[in-house]
Amino acid sequence: MLKAILTGVTAYISTSIDYLIILMVIFGSTKPKQKWLVYFGDILGTSILVISSLIMAFVLGFIPQEWVLGFLGLIPILMGLKLLFFGENDDDDAVENGMNRRSNVIINVALITVATCGADNIGIYVPIFVQSSVSSLIIILITFFFMLTLFCYIGYLLVRIPKVADILEKWGKYITAIVYIGIGLFILIESGTFEHIF
């Protein structure tokens, strides 16, 4: 159980450190009374990504050899290396403009969540979901919901502390990249891929 919780926490943090900046932009672009709408929009967007990942993991679960599935660990490793060497292109102005143009905050936040986090989240979640038992998967999903709530609350609070936003802006990609690579290596080791090849 502890392993599943740690997996959930690590996976969520690694895919959401940069999203925390976007959450801050969203909270800064909406009225304080709309904070719950932002939260529900984040739940909707994240649910779409999690359900998509679960479907992909279910399909990949029909591959009989677990060590073959371990190659999915290369996805987060490559994502981490790409992030380290090339960075990423999150356009905060586009997020802010999108919030100003649309009236339905929940749908808007969901669309922003899917658009800005889609590839990263699916790339990390699918290999983890494929490796998990049903009981571990339930714990991981509950952990995701808890972490989502915590990150929304932190994003709401951090709007009031610009220096923290600057630190996240500067170092967030390095932390995320290292965690991505760590998750990928863990998947390759845990599935026995390294052992099978060598």
N, C-alpha and C. Protein backbone atom coordinates (compact mmCIF):
# COMPACT_ATOMS: atom_id res chain seq x y z
N MET A 1 0.82 -1.20 0.00
CA MET A 1 0.00 0.00 0.00
C MET A 1 0.86 1.26 0.00
N LEU A 2 1.92 1.26 0.82
CA LEU A 2 2.81 2.42 0.90
C LEU A 2 3.49 2.66 -0.44
N LYS A 3 3.88 1.56 -1.10
CA LYS A 3 4.53 1.67 -2.42
C LYS A 3 3.58 2.32 -3.43
N ALA A 4 2.30 1.92 -3.40
CA ALA A 4 1.31 2.49 -4.33
C ALA A 4 1.10 3.98 -4.05
N ILE A 5 1.06 4.35 -2.77
CA ILE A 5 0.89 5.76 -2.40
C ILE A 5 2.09 6.57 -2.89
N LEU A 6 3.30 6.06 -2.64
CA LEU A 6 4.51 6.76 -3.08
C LEU A 6 4.55 6.88 -4.60
N THR A 7 4.13 5.81 -5.30
CA THR A 7 4.08 5.85 -6.76
C THR A 7 3.11 6.94 -7.22
N GLY A 8 1.93 6.98 -6.61
CA GLY A 8 0.94 7.99 -6.96
C GLY A 8 1.43 9.40 -6.70
N VAL A 9 2.04 9.61 -5.53
CA VAL A 9 2.55 10.94 -5.17
C VAL A 9 3.65 11.36 -6.14
N THR A 10 4.61 10.47 -6.39
CA THR A 10 5.73 10.78 -7.28
C THR A 10 5.25 11.07 -8.70
N ALA A 11 4.35 10.22 -9.21
CA ALA A 11 3.85 10.42 -10.58
C ALA A 11 3.09 11.73 -10.69
N TYR A 12 2.25 12.02 -9.70
CA TYR A 12 1.46 13.25 -9.78
C TYR A 12 2.35 14.49 -9.68
N ILE A 13 3.28 14.49 -8.74
CA ILE A 13 4.16 15.65 -8.58
C ILE A 13 4.99 15.86 -9.84
N SER A 14 5.53 14.77 -10.39
CA SER A 14 6.40 14.92 -11.56
C SER A 14 5.66 15.49 -12.76
N THR A 15 4.38 15.18 -12.89
CA THR A 15 3.63 15.69 -14.04
C THR A 15 2.96 17.03 -13.74
N SER A 16 3.03 17.48 -12.50
CA SER A 16 2.26 18.68 -12.14
C SER A 16 3.08 19.84 -11.61
N ILE A 17 4.39 19.69 -11.46
CA ILE A 17 5.19 20.81 -10.96
C ILE A 17 5.06 22.00 -11.90
N ASP A 18 5.24 21.77 -13.19
CA ASP A 18 5.11 22.86 -14.15
C ASP A 18 3.66 23.33 -14.25
N TYR A 19 2.72 22.41 -14.09
CA TYR A 19 1.31 22.78 -14.16
C TYR A 19 0.92 23.71 -13.02
N LEU A 20 1.68 23.64 -11.92
CA LEU A 20 1.43 24.54 -10.79
C LEU A 20 1.53 26.00 -11.23
N ILE A 21 2.48 26.29 -12.11
CA ILE A 21 2.62 27.65 -12.65
C ILE A 21 1.35 28.02 -13.44
N ILE A 22 0.87 27.08 -14.24
CA ILE A 22 -0.33 27.34 -15.03
C ILE A 22 -1.54 27.54 -14.12
N LEU A 23 -1.63 26.73 -13.06
CA LEU A 23 -2.71 26.91 -12.09
C LEU A 23 -2.66 28.31 -11.48
N MET A 24 -1.46 28.79 -11.19
CA MET A 24 -1.32 30.13 -10.63
C MET A 24 -1.80 31.18 -11.63
N VAL A 25 -1.48 30.99 -12.91
CA VAL A 25 -1.95 31.92 -13.94
C VAL A 25 -3.47 31.89 -14.02
N ILE A 26 -4.04 30.67 -13.94
CA ILE A 26 -5.50 30.53 -14.00
C ILE A 26 -6.15 31.23 -12.81
N PHE A 27 -5.63 30.95 -11.60
CA PHE A 27 -6.20 31.60 -10.41
C PHE A 27 -6.03 33.12 -10.46
N GLY A 28 -4.91 33.56 -11.03
CA GLY A 28 -4.69 34.99 -11.16
C GLY A 28 -5.61 35.64 -12.19
N SER A 29 -6.16 34.84 -13.10
CA SER A 29 -7.01 35.35 -14.19
C SER A 29 -8.50 35.22 -13.88
N THR A 30 -8.84 34.59 -12.77
CA THR A 30 -10.25 34.41 -12.42
C THR A 30 -10.56 35.14 -11.13
N LYS A 31 -11.84 35.32 -10.88
CA LYS A 31 -12.28 36.00 -9.66
C LYS A 31 -12.15 35.02 -8.49
N PRO A 32 -11.86 35.54 -7.27
CA PRO A 32 -11.73 34.65 -6.11
C PRO A 32 -12.94 33.73 -5.88
N LYS A 33 -14.14 34.23 -6.19
CA LYS A 33 -15.34 33.39 -5.99
C LYS A 33 -15.42 32.23 -6.98
N GLN A 34 -14.57 32.25 -8.02
CA GLN A 34 -14.58 31.17 -9.01
C GLN A 34 -13.55 30.07 -8.71
N LYS A 35 -12.92 30.14 -7.54
CA LYS A 35 -11.86 29.16 -7.23
C LYS A 35 -12.38 27.73 -7.27
N TRP A 36 -13.64 27.50 -6.85
CA TRP A 36 -14.19 26.15 -6.88
C TRP A 36 -14.43 25.68 -8.30
N LEU A 37 -14.76 26.61 -9.18
CA LEU A 37 -14.96 26.26 -10.59
C LEU A 37 -13.63 25.82 -11.22
N VAL A 38 -12.54 26.50 -10.82
CA VAL A 38 -11.20 26.10 -11.29
C VAL A 38 -10.88 24.69 -10.81
N TYR A 39 -11.18 24.43 -9.54
CA TYR A 39 -10.93 23.11 -8.95
C TYR A 39 -11.70 22.02 -9.69
N PHE A 40 -13.00 22.25 -9.94
CA PHE A 40 -13.81 21.25 -10.64
C PHE A 40 -13.34 21.08 -12.09
N GLY A 41 -12.89 22.15 -12.71
CA GLY A 41 -12.34 22.06 -14.06
C GLY A 41 -11.06 21.24 -14.09
N ASP A 42 -10.23 21.39 -13.06
CA ASP A 42 -9.01 20.60 -12.95
C ASP A 42 -9.34 19.13 -12.76
N ILE A 43 -10.35 18.85 -11.94
CA ILE A 43 -10.79 17.46 -11.75
C ILE A 43 -11.26 16.86 -13.07
N LEU A 44 -12.07 17.63 -13.82
CA LEU A 44 -12.58 17.14 -15.10
C LEU A 44 -11.45 16.87 -16.09
N GLY A 45 -10.52 17.82 -16.24
CA GLY A 45 -9.40 17.65 -17.17
C GLY A 45 -8.51 16.49 -16.79
N THR A 46 -8.20 16.38 -15.50
CA THR A 46 -7.34 15.29 -15.03
C THR A 46 -8.05 13.95 -15.20
N SER A 47 -9.35 13.92 -14.96
CA SER A 47 -10.12 12.67 -15.14
C SER A 47 -10.06 12.19 -16.59
N ILE A 48 -10.16 13.12 -17.52
CA ILE A 48 -10.06 12.76 -18.95
C ILE A 48 -8.70 12.11 -19.23
N LEU A 49 -7.63 12.70 -18.69
CA LEU A 49 -6.28 12.17 -18.92
C LEU A 49 -6.11 10.81 -18.25
N VAL A 50 -6.63 10.67 -17.03
CA VAL A 50 -6.50 9.39 -16.30
C VAL A 50 -7.29 8.29 -17.00
N ILE A 51 -8.52 8.59 -17.44
CA ILE A 51 -9.34 7.58 -18.13
C ILE A 51 -8.68 7.17 -19.44
N SER A 52 -8.14 8.14 -20.17
CA SER A 52 -7.42 7.81 -21.42
C SER A 52 -6.23 6.89 -21.13
N SER A 53 -5.49 7.20 -20.07
CA SER A 53 -4.33 6.39 -19.69
C SER A 53 -4.76 4.98 -19.27
N LEU A 54 -5.87 4.89 -18.52
CA LEU A 54 -6.37 3.57 -18.10
C LEU A 54 -6.76 2.71 -19.29
N ILE A 55 -7.42 3.33 -20.27
CA ILE A 55 -7.81 2.59 -21.48
C ILE A 55 -6.57 2.07 -22.21
N MET A 56 -5.57 2.93 -22.37
CA MET A 56 -4.33 2.51 -23.04
C MET A 56 -3.63 1.41 -22.25
N ALA A 57 -3.60 1.55 -20.92
CA ALA A 57 -2.96 0.55 -20.08
C ALA A 57 -3.70 -0.79 -20.18
N PHE A 58 -5.03 -0.74 -20.23
CA PHE A 58 -5.83 -1.96 -20.36
C PHE A 58 -5.50 -2.69 -21.66
N VAL A 59 -5.43 -1.94 -22.76
CA VAL A 59 -5.11 -2.53 -24.06
C VAL A 59 -3.71 -3.13 -24.03
N LEU A 60 -2.75 -2.39 -23.47
CA LEU A 60 -1.37 -2.89 -23.41
C LEU A 60 -1.23 -4.07 -22.45
N GLY A 61 -2.19 -4.20 -21.52
CA GLY A 61 -2.16 -5.31 -20.56
C GLY A 61 -2.31 -6.67 -21.21
N PHE A 62 -2.75 -6.71 -22.46
CA PHE A 62 -2.89 -8.00 -23.16
C PHE A 62 -1.55 -8.52 -23.69
N ILE A 63 -0.50 -7.70 -23.60
CA ILE A 63 0.83 -8.17 -24.00
C ILE A 63 1.31 -9.13 -22.91
N PRO A 64 1.63 -10.37 -23.26
CA PRO A 64 1.86 -11.39 -22.23
C PRO A 64 3.17 -11.23 -21.45
N GLN A 65 4.21 -10.73 -22.06
CA GLN A 65 5.51 -10.66 -21.38
C GLN A 65 5.67 -9.33 -20.66
N GLU A 66 5.81 -9.39 -19.34
CA GLU A 66 5.92 -8.16 -18.55
C GLU A 66 7.18 -7.37 -18.91
N TRP A 67 8.28 -8.08 -19.24
CA TRP A 67 9.52 -7.37 -19.54
C TRP A 67 9.39 -6.52 -20.81
N VAL A 68 8.51 -6.93 -21.75
CA VAL A 68 8.27 -6.13 -22.96
C VAL A 68 7.59 -4.81 -22.59
N LEU A 69 6.63 -4.89 -21.66
CA LEU A 69 5.94 -3.69 -21.20
C LEU A 69 6.91 -2.73 -20.51
N GLY A 70 7.99 -3.27 -19.97
CA GLY A 70 9.00 -2.42 -19.31
C GLY A 70 9.59 -1.38 -20.24
N PHE A 71 9.56 -1.66 -21.54
CA PHE A 71 10.08 -0.67 -22.50
C PHE A 71 9.28 0.62 -22.48
N LEU A 72 8.06 0.58 -21.93
CA LEU A 72 7.29 1.82 -21.75
C LEU A 72 8.04 2.79 -20.83
N GLY A 73 8.93 2.27 -20.01
CA GLY A 73 9.74 3.12 -19.14
C GLY A 73 10.64 4.07 -19.92
N LEU A 74 10.90 3.72 -21.19
CA LEU A 74 11.71 4.62 -22.03
C LEU A 74 10.98 5.94 -22.31
N ILE A 75 9.65 5.91 -22.29
CA ILE A 75 8.87 7.12 -22.58
C ILE A 75 9.18 8.22 -21.56
N PRO A 76 9.01 7.97 -20.24
CA PRO A 76 9.35 9.04 -19.29
C PRO A 76 10.83 9.42 -19.31
N ILE A 77 11.71 8.45 -19.59
CA ILE A 77 13.14 8.78 -19.66
C ILE A 77 13.39 9.76 -20.80
N LEU A 78 12.84 9.47 -21.97
CA LEU A 78 13.00 10.37 -23.12
C LEU A 78 12.35 11.73 -22.86
N MET A 79 11.19 11.71 -22.19
CA MET A 79 10.53 12.98 -21.85
C MET A 79 11.41 13.80 -20.91
N GLY A 80 12.03 13.13 -19.93
CA GLY A 80 12.92 13.83 -18.99
C GLY A 80 14.14 14.41 -19.69
N LEU A 81 14.74 13.63 -20.59
CA LEU A 81 15.92 14.12 -21.33
C LEU A 81 15.55 15.29 -22.23
N LYS A 82 14.38 15.19 -22.89
CA LYS A 82 13.92 16.29 -23.75
C LYS A 82 13.73 17.56 -22.93
N LEU A 83 13.13 17.40 -21.75
CA LEU A 83 12.89 18.55 -20.87
C LEU A 83 14.20 19.17 -20.40
N LEU A 84 15.19 18.32 -20.07
CA LEU A 84 16.50 18.83 -19.62
C LEU A 84 17.22 19.60 -20.71
N PHE A 85 17.20 19.06 -21.94
CA PHE A 85 18.00 19.65 -23.00
C PHE A 85 17.26 20.71 -23.84
N PHE A 86 15.95 20.57 -23.96
CA PHE A 86 15.21 21.48 -24.83
C PHE A 86 14.17 22.33 -24.11
N GLY A 87 13.88 22.00 -22.84
CA GLY A 87 12.85 22.74 -22.12
C GLY A 87 11.47 22.40 -22.66
N GLU A 88 10.49 23.21 -22.26
CA GLU A 88 9.15 23.00 -22.77
C GLU A 88 8.53 24.33 -23.10
N ASN A 89 7.46 24.29 -23.85
CA ASN A 89 6.88 25.52 -24.38
C ASN A 89 5.49 25.74 -23.80
N ASP A 90 5.43 26.12 -22.51
CA ASP A 90 4.15 26.47 -21.90
C ASP A 90 3.94 27.97 -22.05
N ASP A 91 2.88 28.35 -22.72
CA ASP A 91 2.62 29.75 -22.98
C ASP A 91 1.60 30.28 -21.98
N ASP A 92 2.10 30.92 -20.90
CA ASP A 92 1.22 31.44 -19.86
C ASP A 92 0.26 32.49 -20.41
N ASP A 93 0.70 33.29 -21.38
CA ASP A 93 -0.17 34.33 -21.95
C ASP A 93 -1.36 33.69 -22.66
N ALA A 94 -1.11 32.59 -23.37
CA ALA A 94 -2.22 31.91 -24.06
C ALA A 94 -3.23 31.37 -23.05
N VAL A 95 -2.75 30.86 -21.92
CA VAL A 95 -3.65 30.37 -20.88
C VAL A 95 -4.49 31.52 -20.34
N GLU A 96 -3.82 32.64 -20.05
CA GLU A 96 -4.52 33.80 -19.50
C GLU A 96 -5.54 34.35 -20.48
N ASN A 97 -5.18 34.43 -21.75
CA ASN A 97 -6.11 34.92 -22.77
C ASN A 97 -7.29 33.97 -22.92
N GLY A 98 -7.02 32.67 -22.86
CA GLY A 98 -8.09 31.68 -22.95
C GLY A 98 -9.08 31.81 -21.81
N MET A 99 -8.58 32.10 -20.61
CA MET A 99 -9.46 32.27 -19.46
C MET A 99 -10.33 33.51 -19.64
N ASN A 100 -9.78 34.55 -20.25
CA ASN A 100 -10.55 35.79 -20.43
C ASN A 100 -11.60 35.66 -21.52
N ARG A 101 -11.38 34.80 -22.51
CA ARG A 101 -12.29 34.70 -23.65
C ARG A 101 -13.51 33.84 -23.36
N ARG A 102 -13.37 32.80 -22.56
CA ARG A 102 -14.46 31.86 -22.38
C ARG A 102 -15.21 32.13 -21.08
N SER A 103 -16.49 31.90 -21.12
CA SER A 103 -17.31 32.20 -19.94
C SER A 103 -17.41 30.99 -19.00
N ASN A 104 -17.36 29.77 -19.53
CA ASN A 104 -17.51 28.59 -18.69
C ASN A 104 -16.15 28.19 -18.12
N VAL A 105 -15.92 28.53 -16.87
CA VAL A 105 -14.61 28.32 -16.24
C VAL A 105 -14.26 26.83 -16.14
N ILE A 106 -15.24 25.99 -15.76
CA ILE A 106 -14.96 24.56 -15.60
C ILE A 106 -14.47 23.94 -16.90
N ILE A 107 -15.20 24.16 -17.98
CA ILE A 107 -14.82 23.60 -19.29
C ILE A 107 -13.48 24.18 -19.74
N ASN A 108 -13.29 25.47 -19.51
CA ASN A 108 -12.06 26.13 -19.92
C ASN A 108 -10.84 25.55 -19.21
N VAL A 109 -10.95 25.39 -17.88
CA VAL A 109 -9.83 24.83 -17.10
C VAL A 109 -9.58 23.39 -17.53
N ALA A 110 -10.65 22.62 -17.77
CA ALA A 110 -10.48 21.23 -18.23
C ALA A 110 -9.72 21.19 -19.54
N LEU A 111 -10.09 22.07 -20.48
CA LEU A 111 -9.41 22.11 -21.78
C LEU A 111 -7.94 22.51 -21.62
N ILE A 112 -7.67 23.48 -20.76
CA ILE A 112 -6.28 23.90 -20.52
C ILE A 112 -5.48 22.76 -19.90
N THR A 113 -6.10 22.05 -18.95
CA THR A 113 -5.43 20.92 -18.29
C THR A 113 -5.07 19.85 -19.31
N VAL A 114 -6.01 19.47 -20.16
CA VAL A 114 -5.77 18.43 -21.17
C VAL A 114 -4.71 18.90 -22.17
N ALA A 115 -4.83 20.16 -22.61
CA ALA A 115 -3.90 20.67 -23.63
C ALA A 115 -2.48 20.81 -23.10
N THR A 116 -2.32 21.29 -21.87
CA THR A 116 -0.96 21.54 -21.36
C THR A 116 -0.32 20.31 -20.70
N CYS A 117 -1.14 19.37 -20.24
CA CYS A 117 -0.60 18.22 -19.51
C CYS A 117 -0.77 16.89 -20.23
N GLY A 118 -1.53 16.89 -21.33
CA GLY A 118 -1.91 15.64 -21.98
C GLY A 118 -0.78 14.67 -22.24
N ALA A 119 0.20 15.09 -23.03
CA ALA A 119 1.28 14.18 -23.43
C ALA A 119 2.10 13.73 -22.22
N ASP A 120 2.45 14.67 -21.35
CA ASP A 120 3.24 14.32 -20.16
C ASP A 120 2.51 13.31 -19.28
N ASN A 121 1.27 13.64 -18.93
CA ASN A 121 0.54 12.78 -18.02
C ASN A 121 0.32 11.38 -18.59
N ILE A 122 -0.11 11.31 -19.83
CA ILE A 122 -0.35 9.99 -20.44
C ILE A 122 0.97 9.22 -20.56
N GLY A 123 2.05 9.92 -20.93
CA GLY A 123 3.36 9.28 -21.05
C GLY A 123 3.88 8.70 -19.75
N ILE A 124 3.51 9.33 -18.63
CA ILE A 124 3.93 8.83 -17.31
C ILE A 124 2.93 7.82 -16.76
N TYR A 125 1.62 8.13 -16.88
CA TYR A 125 0.60 7.30 -16.25
C TYR A 125 0.49 5.91 -16.88
N VAL A 126 0.52 5.81 -18.20
CA VAL A 126 0.30 4.51 -18.86
C VAL A 126 1.31 3.47 -18.38
N PRO A 127 2.64 3.76 -18.39
CA PRO A 127 3.58 2.72 -17.92
C PRO A 127 3.34 2.33 -16.46
N ILE A 128 2.94 3.29 -15.62
CA ILE A 128 2.69 2.98 -14.21
C ILE A 128 1.42 2.13 -14.09
N PHE A 129 0.36 2.49 -14.79
CA PHE A 129 -0.89 1.75 -14.71
C PHE A 129 -0.73 0.32 -15.22
N VAL A 130 0.05 0.13 -16.29
CA VAL A 130 0.27 -1.20 -16.85
C VAL A 130 0.92 -2.11 -15.81
N GLN A 131 1.83 -1.56 -15.00
CA GLN A 131 2.58 -2.35 -14.03
C GLN A 131 1.80 -2.61 -12.73
N SER A 132 0.65 -1.94 -12.54
CA SER A 132 -0.04 -1.97 -11.25
C SER A 132 -1.14 -3.03 -11.19
N SER A 133 -1.29 -3.62 -10.00
CA SER A 133 -2.43 -4.51 -9.76
C SER A 133 -3.67 -3.64 -9.56
N VAL A 134 -4.84 -4.26 -9.54
CA VAL A 134 -6.09 -3.50 -9.38
C VAL A 134 -6.10 -2.76 -8.04
N SER A 135 -5.68 -3.44 -6.97
CA SER A 135 -5.69 -2.79 -5.65
C SER A 135 -4.71 -1.61 -5.61
N SER A 136 -3.53 -1.79 -6.19
CA SER A 136 -2.55 -0.69 -6.25
C SER A 136 -3.09 0.46 -7.09
N LEU A 137 -3.76 0.13 -8.17
CA LEU A 137 -4.31 1.14 -9.07
C LEU A 137 -5.34 2.00 -8.35
N ILE A 138 -6.19 1.38 -7.55
CA ILE A 138 -7.20 2.12 -6.79
C ILE A 138 -6.52 3.09 -5.82
N ILE A 139 -5.48 2.62 -5.14
CA ILE A 139 -4.76 3.48 -4.19
C ILE A 139 -4.08 4.63 -4.94
N ILE A 140 -3.48 4.33 -6.09
CA ILE A 140 -2.82 5.37 -6.89
C ILE A 140 -3.83 6.44 -7.33
N LEU A 141 -5.01 6.02 -7.77
CA LEU A 141 -6.03 6.96 -8.22
C LEU A 141 -6.55 7.82 -7.07
N ILE A 142 -6.73 7.22 -5.90
CA ILE A 142 -7.13 8.01 -4.72
C ILE A 142 -6.04 9.02 -4.36
N THR A 143 -4.79 8.58 -4.46
CA THR A 143 -3.65 9.47 -4.19
C THR A 143 -3.64 10.62 -5.19
N PHE A 144 -3.92 10.34 -6.47
CA PHE A 144 -4.00 11.39 -7.49
C PHE A 144 -5.03 12.44 -7.10
N PHE A 145 -6.22 12.00 -6.66
CA PHE A 145 -7.28 12.93 -6.29
C PHE A 145 -6.84 13.81 -5.11
N PHE A 146 -6.20 13.19 -4.14
CA PHE A 146 -5.71 13.94 -2.99
C PHE A 146 -4.66 14.96 -3.43
N MET A 147 -3.72 14.52 -4.28
CA MET A 147 -2.65 15.42 -4.75
C MET A 147 -3.21 16.55 -5.61
N LEU A 148 -4.21 16.24 -6.43
CA LEU A 148 -4.85 17.27 -7.26
C LEU A 148 -5.45 18.36 -6.36
N THR A 149 -6.14 17.93 -5.31
CA THR A 149 -6.74 18.88 -4.37
C THR A 149 -5.66 19.73 -3.70
N LEU A 150 -4.59 19.07 -3.28
CA LEU A 150 -3.49 19.78 -2.63
C LEU A 150 -2.83 20.78 -3.58
N PHE A 151 -2.58 20.36 -4.82
CA PHE A 151 -1.93 21.25 -5.80
C PHE A 151 -2.82 22.44 -6.15
N CYS A 152 -4.13 22.21 -6.25
CA CYS A 152 -5.05 23.33 -6.52
C CYS A 152 -4.98 24.35 -5.37
N TYR A 153 -4.99 23.84 -4.16
CA TYR A 153 -4.94 24.72 -2.99
C TYR A 153 -3.61 25.49 -2.95
N ILE A 154 -2.51 24.76 -3.21
CA ILE A 154 -1.19 25.41 -3.22
C ILE A 154 -1.12 26.47 -4.33
N GLY A 155 -1.63 26.13 -5.52
CA GLY A 155 -1.65 27.08 -6.63
C GLY A 155 -2.43 28.34 -6.28
N TYR A 156 -3.55 28.15 -5.57
CA TYR A 156 -4.38 29.28 -5.15
C TYR A 156 -3.61 30.17 -4.15
N LEU A 157 -2.89 29.52 -3.23
CA LEU A 157 -2.12 30.29 -2.23
C LEU A 157 -0.90 30.98 -2.84
N LEU A 158 -0.24 30.30 -3.77
CA LEU A 158 1.01 30.83 -4.33
C LEU A 158 0.81 32.06 -5.22
N VAL A 159 -0.42 32.27 -5.68
CA VAL A 159 -0.69 33.47 -6.48
C VAL A 159 -0.31 34.71 -5.67
N ARG A 160 -0.39 34.59 -4.35
CA ARG A 160 -0.09 35.72 -3.48
C ARG A 160 1.39 35.85 -3.13
N ILE A 161 2.24 34.89 -3.58
CA ILE A 161 3.68 34.92 -3.25
C ILE A 161 4.48 34.84 -4.55
N PRO A 162 4.76 35.98 -5.19
CA PRO A 162 5.44 35.97 -6.50
C PRO A 162 6.84 35.34 -6.47
N LYS A 163 7.57 35.43 -5.36
CA LYS A 163 8.94 34.88 -5.32
C LYS A 163 8.94 33.35 -5.46
N VAL A 164 7.93 32.71 -4.89
CA VAL A 164 7.82 31.25 -5.02
C VAL A 164 7.58 30.87 -6.47
N ALA A 165 6.74 31.65 -7.14
CA ALA A 165 6.47 31.40 -8.56
C ALA A 165 7.75 31.51 -9.37
N ASP A 166 8.61 32.48 -9.04
CA ASP A 166 9.88 32.64 -9.75
C ASP A 166 10.78 31.42 -9.57
N ILE A 167 10.82 30.88 -8.34
CA ILE A 167 11.64 29.69 -8.06
C ILE A 167 11.12 28.50 -8.87
N LEU A 168 9.79 28.30 -8.85
CA LEU A 168 9.21 27.19 -9.62
C LEU A 168 9.47 27.35 -11.11
N GLU A 169 9.38 28.59 -11.58
CA GLU A 169 9.62 28.87 -13.00
C GLU A 169 11.06 28.51 -13.38
N LYS A 170 12.01 28.80 -12.46
CA LYS A 170 13.43 28.60 -12.76
C LYS A 170 13.86 27.14 -12.63
N TRP A 171 13.43 26.46 -11.58
CA TRP A 171 13.94 25.12 -11.27
C TRP A 171 12.95 23.99 -11.55
N GLY A 172 11.68 24.31 -11.80
CA GLY A 172 10.66 23.28 -11.98
C GLY A 172 10.98 22.27 -13.04
N LYS A 173 11.50 22.72 -14.19
CA LYS A 173 11.77 21.78 -15.29
C LYS A 173 12.86 20.78 -14.94
N TYR A 174 13.86 21.21 -14.15
CA TYR A 174 14.95 20.30 -13.76
C TYR A 174 14.45 19.23 -12.78
N ILE A 175 13.65 19.67 -11.82
CA ILE A 175 13.08 18.72 -10.86
C ILE A 175 12.20 17.71 -11.60
N THR A 176 11.34 18.22 -12.48
CA THR A 176 10.44 17.35 -13.25
C THR A 176 11.23 16.37 -14.10
N ALA A 177 12.26 16.84 -14.80
CA ALA A 177 13.06 15.98 -15.67
C ALA A 177 13.71 14.85 -14.88
N ILE A 178 14.28 15.16 -13.73
CA ILE A 178 14.95 14.14 -12.91
C ILE A 178 13.94 13.09 -12.44
N VAL A 179 12.76 13.55 -12.02
CA VAL A 179 11.74 12.60 -11.56
C VAL A 179 11.26 11.73 -12.71
N TYR A 180 11.05 12.32 -13.91
CA TYR A 180 10.66 11.54 -15.09
C TYR A 180 11.66 10.42 -15.35
N ILE A 181 12.94 10.77 -15.36
CA ILE A 181 13.99 9.78 -15.64
C ILE A 181 13.98 8.69 -14.56
N GLY A 182 13.81 9.11 -13.30
CA GLY A 182 13.75 8.15 -12.20
C GLY A 182 12.59 7.18 -12.34
N ILE A 183 11.42 7.70 -12.71
CA ILE A 183 10.24 6.85 -12.91
C ILE A 183 10.49 5.85 -14.05
N GLY A 184 11.06 6.33 -15.14
CA GLY A 184 11.35 5.46 -16.28
C GLY A 184 12.30 4.33 -15.91
N LEU A 185 13.37 4.67 -15.19
CA LEU A 185 14.33 3.64 -14.75
C LEU A 185 13.66 2.64 -13.81
N PHE A 186 12.80 3.15 -12.90
CA PHE A 186 12.09 2.27 -11.97
C PHE A 186 11.22 1.27 -12.74
N ILE A 187 10.52 1.75 -13.78
CA ILE A 187 9.65 0.87 -14.58
C ILE A 187 10.48 -0.19 -15.30
N LEU A 188 11.62 0.22 -15.87
CA LEU A 188 12.49 -0.73 -16.57
C LEU A 188 13.04 -1.80 -15.61
N ILE A 189 13.40 -1.39 -14.41
CA ILE A 189 13.95 -2.33 -13.42
C ILE A 189 12.85 -3.23 -12.86
N GLU A 190 11.73 -2.61 -12.45
CA GLU A 190 10.63 -3.34 -11.81
C GLU A 190 10.03 -4.40 -12.73
N SER A 191 9.97 -4.13 -14.02
CA SER A 191 9.36 -5.07 -14.97
C SER A 191 10.34 -6.17 -15.39
N GLY A 192 11.61 -6.05 -15.00
CA GLY A 192 12.59 -7.07 -15.36
C GLY A 192 13.17 -6.90 -16.76
N THR A 193 12.96 -5.73 -17.37
CA THR A 193 13.45 -5.50 -18.74
C THR A 193 14.97 -5.53 -18.77
N PHE A 194 15.62 -4.82 -17.85
CA PHE A 194 17.08 -4.81 -17.80
C PHE A 194 17.62 -6.23 -17.59
N GLU A 195 17.00 -6.93 -16.64
CA GLU A 195 17.44 -8.29 -16.31
C GLU A 195 17.30 -9.20 -17.52
N HIS A 196 16.21 -9.06 -18.26
CA HIS A 196 15.98 -9.91 -19.43
C HIS A 196 17.01 -9.63 -20.54
N ILE A 197 17.31 -8.35 -20.76
CA ILE A 197 18.23 -7.97 -21.84
C ILE A 197 19.66 -8.34 -21.48
N PHE A 198 20.06 -8.08 -20.24
CA PHE A 198 21.45 -8.30 -19.85
C PHE A 198 21.65 -9.64 -19.17
